[in-house]
Every structure is written in structure tokens, then in C-alpha cells.
Amino acid sequence: LGEDESSAVFSLFVKRVMLGGPGWYLGGALLLAASIAAIMSTADSGLIVLSLLISADFVRPLLRPSERTLKIISTAISVCFAGLSILLSELPGVSLEALWGLQQEMIIQAMP
């Protein structure tokens, strides 16, 4: 398979399954739902890790906030990174693959 074909294998498989009839349509929908859930879980974990690293390594030692304040700051950091990811994904020439690589590099650089 070529590069374009290999990246579309899953969607082609789901399409073929869904064309098999009403029962198969439900199976294809479940496959799509499972893949979206996996993507969301991975994205959520990445945001949580970034938030934890920043709040635990920078905010807690420098500001010494209460636990409630630290939780609010961590949530705000997650929301900021989610918004930044959305904004960066809208730039021309930026793909989710590039954003994923940037996220992994940030995590590696932030780890002690």
C-alpha cells in the first residue's frame, strides 16, 4: 500500500463493514465510536500530564497555593493548552501529527 492508502485503511475497513447491511452498520458505528473514544482518551491524558507537570514543578514551589487553588490553576492550564492546540491546528500547514510531536517533546523536556 502507498502512504495515502495505508493511512486510510481503518476508514476503508469501517466503510466496508457498514455497507454489509443494517447489523453491520451498527458494528461500524461502534468501531467509529471506539476509535473516537481512544483518541479523546489520549488527548485528555496529554493535557492532564502537561497540567500536572506545570502545576507540580512550577506553580506549587513558586506560589505555594492551597490545594483548592492549585486544582483551579491546574484546570485553567489544561483549558489553556486545549485552546492553544485548537488554535495551532487551524494554522495552515500544521497537522495533528505535528502537534502530537510537539506535545511529546514538551513532556520529555519538562521531565526531570
PDB file of N, CA and C in Angstrom:
ATOM      1  N   LEU A   1       0.826  -1.190   0.000  1.00  0.00           N
ATOM      2  CA  LEU A   1       0.000   0.000   0.000  1.00  0.00           C
ATOM      3  C   LEU A   1       0.866   1.249   0.000  1.00  0.00           C
ATOM      4  N   GLY A   2       0.374   2.263  -0.674  1.00  0.00           N
ATOM      5  CA  GLY A   2       1.060   3.547  -0.657  1.00  0.00           C
ATOM      6  C   GLY A   2       0.779   4.280   0.640  1.00  0.00           C
ATOM      7  N   GLU A   3       1.439   5.422   0.820  1.00  0.00           N
ATOM      8  CA  GLU A   3       1.288   6.163   2.071  1.00  0.00           C
ATOM      9  C   GLU A   3      -0.153   6.648   2.259  1.00  0.00           C
ATOM     10  N   ASP A   4      -0.765   7.148   1.214  1.00  0.00           N
ATOM     11  CA  ASP A   4      -2.145   7.623   1.312  1.00  0.00           C
ATOM     12  C   ASP A   4      -3.106   6.477   1.596  1.00  0.00           C
ATOM     13  N   GLU A   5      -2.881   5.343   0.944  1.00  0.00           N
ATOM     14  CA  GLU A   5      -3.768   4.199   1.144  1.00  0.00           C
ATOM     15  C   GLU A   5      -3.604   3.601   2.536  1.00  0.00           C
ATOM     16  N   SER A   6      -2.370   3.540   3.028  1.00  0.00           N
ATOM     17  CA  SER A   6      -2.146   2.935   4.336  1.00  0.00           C
ATOM     18  C   SER A   6      -2.729   3.779   5.458  1.00  0.00           C
ATOM     19  N   SER A   7      -2.789   5.095   5.295  1.00  0.00           N
ATOM     20  CA  SER A   7      -3.363   5.925   6.342  1.00  0.00           C
ATOM     21  C   SER A   7      -4.887   5.862   6.341  1.00  0.00           C
ATOM     22  N   ALA A   8      -5.480   5.337   5.275  1.00  0.00           N
ATOM     23  CA  ALA A   8      -6.934   5.271   5.168  1.00  0.00           C
ATOM     24  C   ALA A   8      -7.466   3.851   5.359  1.00  0.00           C
ATOM     25  N   VAL A   9      -6.632   2.914   5.799  1.00  0.00           N
ATOM     26  CA  VAL A   9      -7.062   1.521   5.922  1.00  0.00           C
ATOM     27  C   VAL A   9      -8.229   1.391   6.895  1.00  0.00           C
ATOM     28  N   PHE A  10      -8.150   2.024   8.045  1.00  0.00           N
ATOM     29  CA  PHE A  10      -9.210   1.886   9.043  1.00  0.00           C
ATOM     30  C   PHE A  10     -10.531   2.429   8.517  1.00  0.00           C
ATOM     31  N   SER A  11     -10.494   3.620   7.914  1.00  0.00           N
ATOM     32  CA  SER A  11     -11.744   4.194   7.412  1.00  0.00           C
ATOM     33  C   SER A  11     -12.321   3.353   6.273  1.00  0.00           C
ATOM     34  N   LEU A  12     -11.468   2.794   5.428  1.00  0.00           N
ATOM     35  CA  LEU A  12     -11.961   1.924   4.359  1.00  0.00           C
ATOM     36  C   LEU A  12     -12.580   0.645   4.928  1.00  0.00           C
ATOM     37  N   PHE A  13     -11.954   0.099   5.964  1.00  0.00           N
ATOM     38  CA  PHE A  13     -12.485  -1.097   6.613  1.00  0.00           C
ATOM     39  C   PHE A  13     -13.856  -0.820   7.225  1.00  0.00           C
ATOM     40  N   VAL A  14     -13.972   0.302   7.949  1.00  0.00           N
ATOM     41  CA  VAL A  14     -15.247   0.653   8.578  1.00  0.00           C
ATOM     42  C   VAL A  14     -16.318   0.882   7.518  1.00  0.00           C
ATOM     43  N   LYS A  15     -15.944   1.529   6.424  1.00  0.00           N
ATOM     44  CA  LYS A  15     -16.906   1.772   5.343  1.00  0.00           C
ATOM     45  C   LYS A  15     -17.408   0.447   4.761  1.00  0.00           C
ATOM     46  N   ARG A  16     -16.497  -0.477   4.555  1.00  0.00           N
ATOM     47  CA  ARG A  16     -16.889  -1.774   4.000  1.00  0.00           C
ATOM     48  C   ARG A  16     -17.782  -2.528   4.981  1.00  0.00           C
ATOM     49  N   VAL A  17     -17.462  -2.463   6.264  1.00  0.00           N
ATOM     50  CA  VAL A  17     -18.289  -3.128   7.277  1.00  0.00           C
ATOM     51  C   VAL A  17     -19.686  -2.515   7.292  1.00  0.00           C
ATOM     52  N   MET A  18     -19.767  -1.202   7.235  1.00  0.00           N
ATOM     53  CA  MET A  18     -21.063  -0.525   7.315  1.00  0.00           C
ATOM     54  C   MET A  18     -21.939  -0.794   6.086  1.00  0.00           C
ATOM     55  N   LEU A  19     -21.330  -1.106   4.967  1.00  0.00           N
ATOM     56  CA  LEU A  19     -22.104  -1.388   3.764  1.00  0.00           C
ATOM     57  C   LEU A  19     -22.640  -2.818   3.741  1.00  0.00           C
ATOM     58  N   GLY A  20     -22.312  -3.616   4.748  1.00  0.00           N
ATOM     59  CA  GLY A  20     -22.726  -5.010   4.794  1.00  0.00           C
ATOM     60  C   GLY A  20     -24.182  -5.229   5.168  1.00  0.00           C
ATOM     61  N   GLY A  21     -24.873  -4.215   5.598  1.00  0.00           N
ATOM     62  CA  GLY A  21     -26.284  -4.362   5.980  1.00  0.00           C
ATOM     63  C   GLY A  21     -26.568  -3.667   7.290  1.00  0.00           C
ATOM     64  N   PRO A  22     -27.808  -3.721   7.753  1.00  0.00           N
ATOM     65  CA  PRO A  22     -28.194  -2.987   8.964  1.00  0.00           C
ATOM     66  C   PRO A  22     -27.421  -3.407  10.218  1.00  0.00           C
ATOM     67  N   GLY A  23     -27.259  -4.699  10.415  1.00  0.00           N
ATOM     68  CA  GLY A  23     -26.497  -5.158  11.574  1.00  0.00           C
ATOM     69  C   GLY A  23     -25.041  -4.749  11.508  1.00  0.00           C
ATOM     70  N   TRP A  24     -24.481  -4.808  10.340  1.00  0.00           N
ATOM     71  CA  TRP A  24     -23.091  -4.407  10.140  1.00  0.00           C
ATOM     72  C   TRP A  24     -22.930  -2.900  10.304  1.00  0.00           C
ATOM     73  N   TYR A  25     -23.970  -2.152   9.972  1.00  0.00           N
ATOM     74  CA  TYR A  25     -23.929  -0.698  10.128  1.00  0.00           C
ATOM     75  C   TYR A  25     -23.726  -0.340  11.595  1.00  0.00           C
ATOM     76  N   LEU A  26     -24.425  -1.057  12.473  1.00  0.00           N
ATOM     77  CA  LEU A  26     -24.256  -0.845  13.906  1.00  0.00           C
ATOM     78  C   LEU A  26     -22.825  -1.190  14.338  1.00  0.00           C
ATOM     79  N   GLY A  27     -22.287  -2.279  13.806  1.00  0.00           N
ATOM     80  CA  GLY A  27     -20.908  -2.648  14.128  1.00  0.00           C
ATOM     81  C   GLY A  27     -19.912  -1.590  13.680  1.00  0.00           C
ATOM     82  N   GLY A  28     -20.116  -1.046  12.488  1.00  0.00           N
ATOM     83  CA  GLY A  28     -19.235   0.021  12.011  1.00  0.00           C
ATOM     84  C   GLY A  28     -19.335   1.269  12.858  1.00  0.00           C
ATOM     85  N   ALA A  29     -20.554   1.592  13.286  1.00  0.00           N
ATOM     86  CA  ALA A  29     -20.740   2.756  14.161  1.00  0.00           C
ATOM     87  C   ALA A  29     -20.040   2.549  15.498  1.00  0.00           C
ATOM     88  N   LEU A  30     -20.091   1.328  16.020  1.00  0.00           N
ATOM     89  CA  LEU A  30     -19.390   1.030  17.274  1.00  0.00           C
ATOM     90  C   LEU A  30     -17.873   1.124  17.100  1.00  0.00           C
ATOM     91  N   LEU A  31     -17.362   0.680  15.951  1.00  0.00           N
ATOM     92  CA  LEU A  31     -15.926   0.819  15.680  1.00  0.00           C
ATOM     93  C   LEU A  31     -15.517   2.285  15.641  1.00  0.00           C
ATOM     94  N   LEU A  32     -16.317   3.111  14.976  1.00  0.00           N
ATOM     95  CA  LEU A  32     -16.012   4.542  14.928  1.00  0.00           C
ATOM     96  C   LEU A  32     -16.064   5.170  16.320  1.00  0.00           C
ATOM     97  N   ALA A  33     -17.083   4.808  17.093  1.00  0.00           N
ATOM     98  CA  ALA A  33     -17.202   5.347  18.448  1.00  0.00           C
ATOM     99  C   ALA A  33     -16.015   4.930  19.314  1.00  0.00           C
ATOM    100  N   ALA A  34     -15.575   3.689  19.172  1.00  0.00           N
ATOM    101  CA  ALA A  34     -14.428   3.217  19.953  1.00  0.00           C
ATOM    102  C   ALA A  34     -13.149   3.948  19.562  1.00  0.00           C
ATOM    103  N   SER A  35     -12.965   4.202  18.268  1.00  0.00           N
ATOM    104  CA  SER A  35     -11.755   4.900  17.844  1.00  0.00           C
ATOM    105  C   SER A  35     -11.765   6.353  18.308  1.00  0.00           C
ATOM    106  N   ILE A  36     -12.921   7.001  18.281  1.00  0.00           N
ATOM    107  CA  ILE A  36     -13.011   8.374  18.773  1.00  0.00           C
ATOM    108  C   ILE A  36     -12.764   8.408  20.285  1.00  0.00           C
ATOM    109  N   ALA A  37     -13.279   7.422  21.009  1.00  0.00           N
ATOM    110  CA  ALA A  37     -13.040   7.360  22.452  1.00  0.00           C
ATOM    111  C   ALA A  37     -11.549   7.188  22.754  1.00  0.00           C
ATOM    112  N   ALA A  38     -10.860   6.381  21.968  1.00  0.00           N
ATOM    113  CA  ALA A  38      -9.420   6.192  22.176  1.00  0.00           C
ATOM    114  C   ALA A  38      -8.651   7.481  21.903  1.00  0.00           C
ATOM    115  N   ILE A  39      -9.043   8.182  20.850  1.00  0.00           N
ATOM    116  CA  ILE A  39      -8.381   9.453  20.524  1.00  0.00           C
ATOM    117  C   ILE A  39      -8.605  10.470  21.638  1.00  0.00           C
ATOM    118  N   MET A  40      -9.842  10.569  22.125  1.00  0.00           N
ATOM    119  CA  MET A  40     -10.151  11.523  23.187  1.00  0.00           C
ATOM    120  C   MET A  40      -9.422  11.171  24.485  1.00  0.00           C
ATOM    121  N   SER A  41      -9.308   9.899  24.774  1.00  0.00           N
ATOM    122  CA  SER A  41      -8.609   9.476  25.977  1.00  0.00           C
ATOM    123  C   SER A  41      -7.133   9.853  25.910  1.00  0.00           C
ATOM    124  N   THR A  42      -6.533   9.658  24.754  1.00  0.00           N
ATOM    125  CA  THR A  42      -5.123  10.016  24.581  1.00  0.00           C
ATOM    126  C   THR A  42      -4.924  11.517  24.690  1.00  0.00           C
ATOM    127  N   ALA A  43      -5.798  12.285  24.059  1.00  0.00           N
ATOM    128  CA  ALA A  43      -5.681  13.742  24.118  1.00  0.00           C
ATOM    129  C   ALA A  43      -5.887  14.239  25.543  1.00  0.00           C
ATOM    130  N   ASP A  44      -6.851  13.677  26.243  1.00  0.00           N
ATOM    131  CA  ASP A  44      -7.134  14.061  27.615  1.00  0.00           C
ATOM    132  C   ASP A  44      -5.933  13.757  28.513  1.00  0.00           C
ATOM    133  N   SER A  45      -5.340  12.595  28.322  1.00  0.00           N
ATOM    134  CA  SER A  45      -4.171  12.223  29.126  1.00  0.00           C
ATOM    135  C   SER A  45      -3.006  13.178  28.885  1.00  0.00           C
ATOM    136  N   GLY A  46      -2.809  13.567  27.635  1.00  0.00           N
ATOM    137  CA  GLY A  46      -1.743  14.519  27.333  1.00  0.00           C
ATOM    138  C   GLY A  46      -1.959  15.862  28.009  1.00  0.00           C
ATOM    139  N   LEU A  47      -3.186  16.342  28.013  1.00  0.00           N
ATOM    140  CA  LEU A  47      -3.490  17.615  28.680  1.00  0.00           C
ATOM    141  C   LEU A  47      -3.304  17.504  30.183  1.00  0.00           C
ATOM    142  N   ILE A  48      -3.698  16.384  30.759  1.00  0.00           N
ATOM    143  CA  ILE A  48      -3.539  16.196  32.200  1.00  0.00           C
ATOM    144  C   ILE A  48      -2.063  16.155  32.579  1.00  0.00           C
ATOM    145  N   VAL A  49      -1.253  15.469  31.781  1.00  0.00           N
ATOM    146  CA  VAL A  49       0.181  15.378  32.068  1.00  0.00           C
ATOM    147  C   VAL A  49       0.839  16.749  32.006  1.00  0.00           C
ATOM    148  N   LEU A  50       0.529  17.526  30.966  1.00  0.00           N
ATOM    149  CA  LEU A  50       1.111  18.870  30.855  1.00  0.00           C
ATOM    150  C   LEU A  50       0.694  19.745  32.035  1.00  0.00           C
ATOM    151  N   SER A  51      -0.576  19.679  32.397  1.00  0.00           N
ATOM    152  CA  SER A  51      -1.076  20.468  33.515  1.00  0.00           C
ATOM    153  C   SER A  51      -0.396  20.061  34.822  1.00  0.00           C
ATOM    154  N   LEU A  52      -0.257  18.765  35.036  1.00  0.00           N
ATOM    155  CA  LEU A  52       0.385  18.268  36.249  1.00  0.00           C
ATOM    156  C   LEU A  52       1.846  18.693  36.322  1.00  0.00           C
ATOM    157  N   LEU A  53       2.560  18.580  35.213  1.00  0.00           N
ATOM    158  CA  LEU A  53       3.971  18.967  35.219  1.00  0.00           C
ATOM    159  C   LEU A  53       4.145  20.446  35.545  1.00  0.00           C
ATOM    160  N   ILE A  54       3.343  21.287  34.931  1.00  0.00           N
ATOM    161  CA  ILE A  54       3.482  22.721  35.172  1.00  0.00           C
ATOM    162  C   ILE A  54       3.058  23.083  36.593  1.00  0.00           C
ATOM    163  N   SER A  55       1.935  22.548  37.039  1.00  0.00           N
ATOM    164  CA  SER A  55       1.463  22.912  38.377  1.00  0.00           C
ATOM    165  C   SER A  55       2.344  22.329  39.483  1.00  0.00           C
ATOM    166  N   ALA A  56       2.828  21.115  39.306  1.00  0.00           N
ATOM    167  CA  ALA A  56       3.647  20.487  40.351  1.00  0.00           C
ATOM    168  C   ALA A  56       5.079  21.005  40.362  1.00  0.00           C
ATOM    169  N   ASP A  57       5.637  21.278  39.188  1.00  0.00           N
ATOM    170  CA  ASP A  57       7.049  21.674  39.116  1.00  0.00           C
ATOM    171  C   ASP A  57       7.272  23.178  39.186  1.00  0.00           C
ATOM    172  N   PHE A  58       6.274  23.973  38.800  1.00  0.00           N
ATOM    173  CA  PHE A  58       6.484  25.419  38.779  1.00  0.00           C
ATOM    174  C   PHE A  58       5.550  26.172  39.723  1.00  0.00           C
ATOM    175  N   VAL A  59       4.258  25.905  39.623  1.00  0.00           N
ATOM    176  CA  VAL A  59       3.291  26.682  40.402  1.00  0.00           C
ATOM    177  C   VAL A  59       3.404  26.377  41.893  1.00  0.00           C
ATOM    178  N   ARG A  60       3.420  25.086  42.258  1.00  0.00           N
ATOM    179  CA  ARG A  60       3.467  24.724  43.679  1.00  0.00           C
ATOM    180  C   ARG A  60       4.724  25.254  44.381  1.00  0.00           C
ATOM    181  N   PRO A  61       5.925  25.075  43.832  1.00  0.00           N
ATOM    182  CA  PRO A  61       7.099  25.590  44.550  1.00  0.00           C
ATOM    183  C   PRO A  61       7.188  27.126  44.576  1.00  0.00           C
ATOM    184  N   LEU A  62       6.738  27.772  43.518  1.00  0.00           N
ATOM    185  CA  LEU A  62       6.890  29.226  43.443  1.00  0.00           C
ATOM    186  C   LEU A  62       5.795  29.986  44.182  1.00  0.00           C
ATOM    187  N   LEU A  63       4.545  29.564  44.073  1.00  0.00           N
ATOM    188  CA  LEU A  63       3.428  30.307  44.654  1.00  0.00           C
ATOM    189  C   LEU A  63       2.903  29.725  45.959  1.00  0.00           C
ATOM    190  N   ARG A  64       3.168  28.454  46.197  1.00  0.00           N
ATOM    191  CA  ARG A  64       2.691  27.731  47.383  1.00  0.00           C
ATOM    192  C   ARG A  64       1.190  27.951  47.628  1.00  0.00           C
ATOM    193  N   PRO A  65       0.357  27.630  46.636  1.00  0.00           N
ATOM    194  CA  PRO A  65      -1.086  27.838  46.797  1.00  0.00           C
ATOM    195  C   PRO A  65      -1.727  26.720  47.617  1.00  0.00           C
ATOM    196  N   SER A  66      -2.955  26.966  48.059  1.00  0.00           N
ATOM    197  CA  SER A  66      -3.706  25.920  48.750  1.00  0.00           C
ATOM    198  C   SER A  66      -4.082  24.842  47.727  1.00  0.00           C
ATOM    199  N   GLU A  67      -4.533  23.695  48.235  1.00  0.00           N
ATOM    200  CA  GLU A  67      -4.884  22.593  47.331  1.00  0.00           C
ATOM    201  C   GLU A  67      -6.032  22.979  46.400  1.00  0.00           C
ATOM    202  N   ARG A  68      -7.003  23.710  46.923  1.00  0.00           N
ATOM    203  CA  ARG A  68      -8.143  24.135  46.094  1.00  0.00           C
ATOM    204  C   ARG A  68      -7.677  25.084  44.991  1.00  0.00           C
ATOM    205  N   THR A  69      -6.824  26.032  45.351  1.00  0.00           N
ATOM    206  CA  THR A  69      -6.301  26.981  44.357  1.00  0.00           C
ATOM    207  C   THR A  69      -5.446  26.258  43.324  1.00  0.00           C
ATOM    208  N   LEU A  70      -4.659  25.304  43.758  1.00  0.00           N
ATOM    209  CA  LEU A  70      -3.821  24.534  42.837  1.00  0.00           C
ATOM    210  C   LEU A  70      -4.679  23.742  41.852  1.00  0.00           C
ATOM    211  N   LYS A  71      -5.792  23.190  42.322  1.00  0.00           N
ATOM    212  CA  LYS A  71      -6.702  22.467  41.438  1.00  0.00           C
ATOM    213  C   LYS A  71      -7.301  23.409  40.396  1.00  0.00           C
ATOM    214  N   ILE A  72      -7.671  24.609  40.799  1.00  0.00           N
ATOM    215  CA  ILE A  72      -8.226  25.596  39.865  1.00  0.00           C
ATOM    216  C   ILE A  72      -7.170  26.005  38.843  1.00  0.00           C
ATOM    217  N   ILE A  73      -5.949  26.224  39.290  1.00  0.00           N
ATOM    218  CA  ILE A  73      -4.857  26.600  38.387  1.00  0.00           C
ATOM    219  C   ILE A  73      -4.569  25.466  37.399  1.00  0.00           C
ATOM    220  N   SER A  74      -4.563  24.227  37.881  1.00  0.00           N
ATOM    221  CA  SER A  74      -4.318  23.074  37.005  1.00  0.00           C
ATOM    222  C   SER A  74      -5.401  22.956  35.939  1.00  0.00           C
ATOM    223  N   THR A  75      -6.645  23.168  36.328  1.00  0.00           N
ATOM    224  CA  THR A  75      -7.747  23.124  35.366  1.00  0.00           C
ATOM    225  C   THR A  75      -7.597  24.230  34.334  1.00  0.00           C
ATOM    226  N   ALA A  76      -7.234  25.422  34.791  1.00  0.00           N
ATOM    227  CA  ALA A  76      -7.044  26.542  33.863  1.00  0.00           C
ATOM    228  C   ALA A  76      -5.901  26.267  32.883  1.00  0.00           C
ATOM    229  N   ILE A  77      -4.844  25.634  33.365  1.00  0.00           N
ATOM    230  CA  ILE A  77      -3.723  25.281  32.488  1.00  0.00           C
ATOM    231  C   ILE A  77      -4.180  24.289  31.425  1.00  0.00           C
ATOM    232  N   SER A  78      -4.972  23.286  31.819  1.00  0.00           N
ATOM    233  CA  SER A  78      -5.491  22.305  30.848  1.00  0.00           C
ATOM    234  C   SER A  78      -6.349  22.988  29.790  1.00  0.00           C
ATOM    235  N   VAL A  79      -7.221  23.886  30.217  1.00  0.00           N
ATOM    236  CA  VAL A  79      -8.088  24.600  29.274  1.00  0.00           C
ATOM    237  C   VAL A  79      -7.249  25.456  28.331  1.00  0.00           C
ATOM    238  N   CYS A  80      -6.212  26.118  28.851  1.00  0.00           N
ATOM    239  CA  CYS A  80      -5.331  26.943  28.007  1.00  0.00           C
ATOM    240  C   CYS A  80      -4.613  26.097  26.964  1.00  0.00           C
ATOM    241  N   PHE A  81      -4.092  24.944  27.377  1.00  0.00           N
ATOM    242  CA  PHE A  81      -3.407  24.078  26.412  1.00  0.00           C
ATOM    243  C   PHE A  81      -4.367  23.512  25.380  1.00  0.00           C
ATOM    244  N   ALA A  82      -5.602  23.203  25.792  1.00  0.00           N
ATOM    245  CA  ALA A  82      -6.602  22.724  24.829  1.00  0.00           C
ATOM    246  C   ALA A  82      -6.917  23.822  23.818  1.00  0.00           C
ATOM    247  N   GLY A  83      -7.102  25.044  24.300  1.00  0.00           N
ATOM    248  CA  GLY A  83      -7.355  26.165  23.392  1.00  0.00           C
ATOM    249  C   GLY A  83      -6.181  26.433  22.472  1.00  0.00           C
ATOM    250  N   LEU A  84      -4.973  26.357  23.012  1.00  0.00           N
ATOM    251  CA  LEU A  84      -3.780  26.558  22.196  1.00  0.00           C
ATOM    252  C   LEU A  84      -3.670  25.485  21.109  1.00  0.00           C
ATOM    253  N   SER A  85      -3.999  24.258  21.457  1.00  0.00           N
ATOM    254  CA  SER A  85      -3.967  23.176  20.467  1.00  0.00           C
ATOM    255  C   SER A  85      -4.973  23.415  19.349  1.00  0.00           C
ATOM    256  N   ILE A  86      -6.156  23.887  19.723  1.00  0.00           N
ATOM    257  CA  ILE A  86      -7.172  24.178  18.710  1.00  0.00           C
ATOM    258  C   ILE A  86      -6.707  25.316  17.806  1.00  0.00           C
ATOM    259  N   LEU A  87      -6.153  26.364  18.403  1.00  0.00           N
ATOM    260  CA  LEU A  87      -5.666  27.484  17.591  1.00  0.00           C
ATOM    261  C   LEU A  87      -4.528  27.063  16.668  1.00  0.00           C
ATOM    262  N   LEU A  88      -3.610  26.280  17.184  1.00  0.00           N
ATOM    263  CA  LEU A  88      -2.484  25.830  16.360  1.00  0.00           C
ATOM    264  C   LEU A  88      -2.934  24.907  15.239  1.00  0.00           C
ATOM    265  N   SER A  89      -3.981  24.128  15.491  1.00  0.00           N
ATOM    266  CA  SER A  89      -4.454  23.211  14.448  1.00  0.00           C
ATOM    267  C   SER A  89      -5.097  23.960  13.289  1.00  0.00           C
ATOM    268  N   GLU A  90      -5.501  25.195  13.510  1.00  0.00           N
ATOM    269  CA  GLU A  90      -6.120  25.991  12.445  1.00  0.00           C
ATOM    270  C   GLU A  90      -5.093  26.706  11.568  1.00  0.00           C
ATOM    271  N   LEU A  91      -3.844  26.708  11.972  1.00  0.00           N
ATOM    272  CA  LEU A  91      -2.806  27.344  11.158  1.00  0.00           C
ATOM    273  C   LEU A  91      -2.564  26.527   9.899  1.00  0.00           C
ATOM    274  N   PRO A  92      -2.320  27.193   8.772  1.00  0.00           N
ATOM    275  CA  PRO A  92      -2.050  26.426   7.550  1.00  0.00           C
ATOM    276  C   PRO A  92      -0.743  25.654   7.671  1.00  0.00           C
ATOM    277  N   GLY A  93      -0.768  24.420   7.219  1.00  0.00           N
ATOM    278  CA  GLY A  93       0.430  23.586   7.230  1.00  0.00           C
ATOM    279  C   GLY A  93       0.690  22.867   8.542  1.00  0.00           C
ATOM    280  N   VAL A  94      -0.172  23.061   9.538  1.00  0.00           N
ATOM    281  CA  VAL A  94       0.005  22.397  10.827  1.00  0.00           C
ATOM    282  C   VAL A  94      -0.960  21.221  10.891  1.00  0.00           C
ATOM    283  N   SER A  95      -0.434  20.051  11.194  1.00  0.00           N
ATOM    284  CA  SER A  95      -1.280  18.864  11.293  1.00  0.00           C
ATOM    285  C   SER A  95      -1.319  18.396  12.741  1.00  0.00           C
ATOM    286  N   LEU A  96      -2.270  17.531  13.035  1.00  0.00           N
ATOM    287  CA  LEU A  96      -2.348  16.968  14.381  1.00  0.00           C
ATOM    288  C   LEU A  96      -1.120  16.133  14.708  1.00  0.00           C
ATOM    289  N   GLU A  97      -0.524  15.537  13.695  1.00  0.00           N
ATOM    290  CA  GLU A  97       0.694  14.756  13.905  1.00  0.00           C
ATOM    291  C   GLU A  97       1.821  15.656  14.415  1.00  0.00           C
ATOM    292  N   ALA A  98       1.933  16.857  13.832  1.00  0.00           N
ATOM    293  CA  ALA A  98       2.963  17.801  14.277  1.00  0.00           C
ATOM    294  C   ALA A  98       2.680  18.272  15.704  1.00  0.00           C
ATOM    295  N   LEU A  99       1.393  18.518  16.023  1.00  0.00           N
ATOM    296  CA  LEU A  99       1.048  18.925  17.384  1.00  0.00           C
ATOM    297  C   LEU A  99       1.333  17.816  18.380  1.00  0.00           C
ATOM    298  N   TRP A 100       1.074  16.573  17.992  1.00  0.00           N
ATOM    299  CA  TRP A 100       1.366  15.436  18.870  1.00  0.00           C
ATOM    300  C   TRP A 100       2.869  15.354  19.140  1.00  0.00           C
ATOM    301  N   GLY A 101       3.678  15.541  18.095  1.00  0.00           N
ATOM    302  CA  GLY A 101       5.125  15.528  18.270  1.00  0.00           C
ATOM    303  C   GLY A 101       5.588  16.638  19.186  1.00  0.00           C
ATOM    304  N   LEU A 102       4.997  17.839  19.037  1.00  0.00           N
ATOM    305  CA  LEU A 102       5.338  18.970  19.907  1.00  0.00           C
ATOM    306  C   LEU A 102       4.975  18.657  21.353  1.00  0.00           C
ATOM    307  N   GLN A 103       3.814  18.060  21.552  1.00  0.00           N
ATOM    308  CA  GLN A 103       3.391  17.713  22.904  1.00  0.00           C
ATOM    309  C   GLN A 103       4.367  16.719  23.530  1.00  0.00           C
ATOM    310  N   GLN A 104       4.777  15.712  22.779  1.00  0.00           N
ATOM    311  CA  GLN A 104       5.702  14.717  23.313  1.00  0.00           C
ATOM    312  C   GLN A 104       7.057  15.347  23.634  1.00  0.00           C
ATOM    313  N   GLU A 105       7.509  16.268  22.785  1.00  0.00           N
ATOM    314  CA  GLU A 105       8.777  16.945  23.061  1.00  0.00           C
ATOM    315  C   GLU A 105       8.684  17.791  24.317  1.00  0.00           C
ATOM    316  N   MET A 106       7.550  18.462  24.509  1.00  0.00           N
ATOM    317  CA  MET A 106       7.376  19.278  25.711  1.00  0.00           C
ATOM    318  C   MET A 106       7.388  18.418  26.964  1.00  0.00           C
ATOM    319  N   ILE A 107       6.731  17.263  26.902  1.00  0.00           N
ATOM    320  CA  ILE A 107       6.700  16.375  28.060  1.00  0.00           C
ATOM    321  C   ILE A 107       8.106  15.868  28.374  1.00  0.00           C
ATOM    322  N   ILE A 108       8.850  15.492  27.352  1.00  0.00           N
ATOM    323  CA  ILE A 108      10.206  14.979  27.555  1.00  0.00           C
ATOM    324  C   ILE A 108      11.106  16.071  28.137  1.00  0.00           C
ATOM    325  N   GLN A 109      10.985  17.312  27.647  1.00  0.00           N
ATOM    326  CA  GLN A 109      11.814  18.399  28.135  1.00  0.00           C
ATOM    327  C   GLN A 109      11.458  18.785  29.575  1.00  0.00           C
ATOM    328  N   ALA A 110      10.188  18.657  29.925  1.00  0.00           N
ATOM    329  CA  ALA A 110       9.747  19.063  31.260  1.00  0.00           C
ATOM    330  C   ALA A 110      10.043  18.012  32.320  1.00  0.00           C
ATOM    331  N   MET A 111      10.252  16.776  31.919  1.00  0.00           N
ATOM    332  CA  MET A 111      10.502  15.718  32.894  1.00  0.00           C
ATOM    333  C   MET A 111      11.908  15.886  33.479  1.00  0.00           C
ATOM    334  N   PRO A 112      12.045  15.655  34.776  1.00  0.00           N
ATOM    335  CA  PRO A 112      13.376  15.818  35.400  1.00  0.00           C
ATOM    336  C   PRO A 112      14.356  14.757  34.980  1.00  0.00           C
TER     337      PRO A 112
END
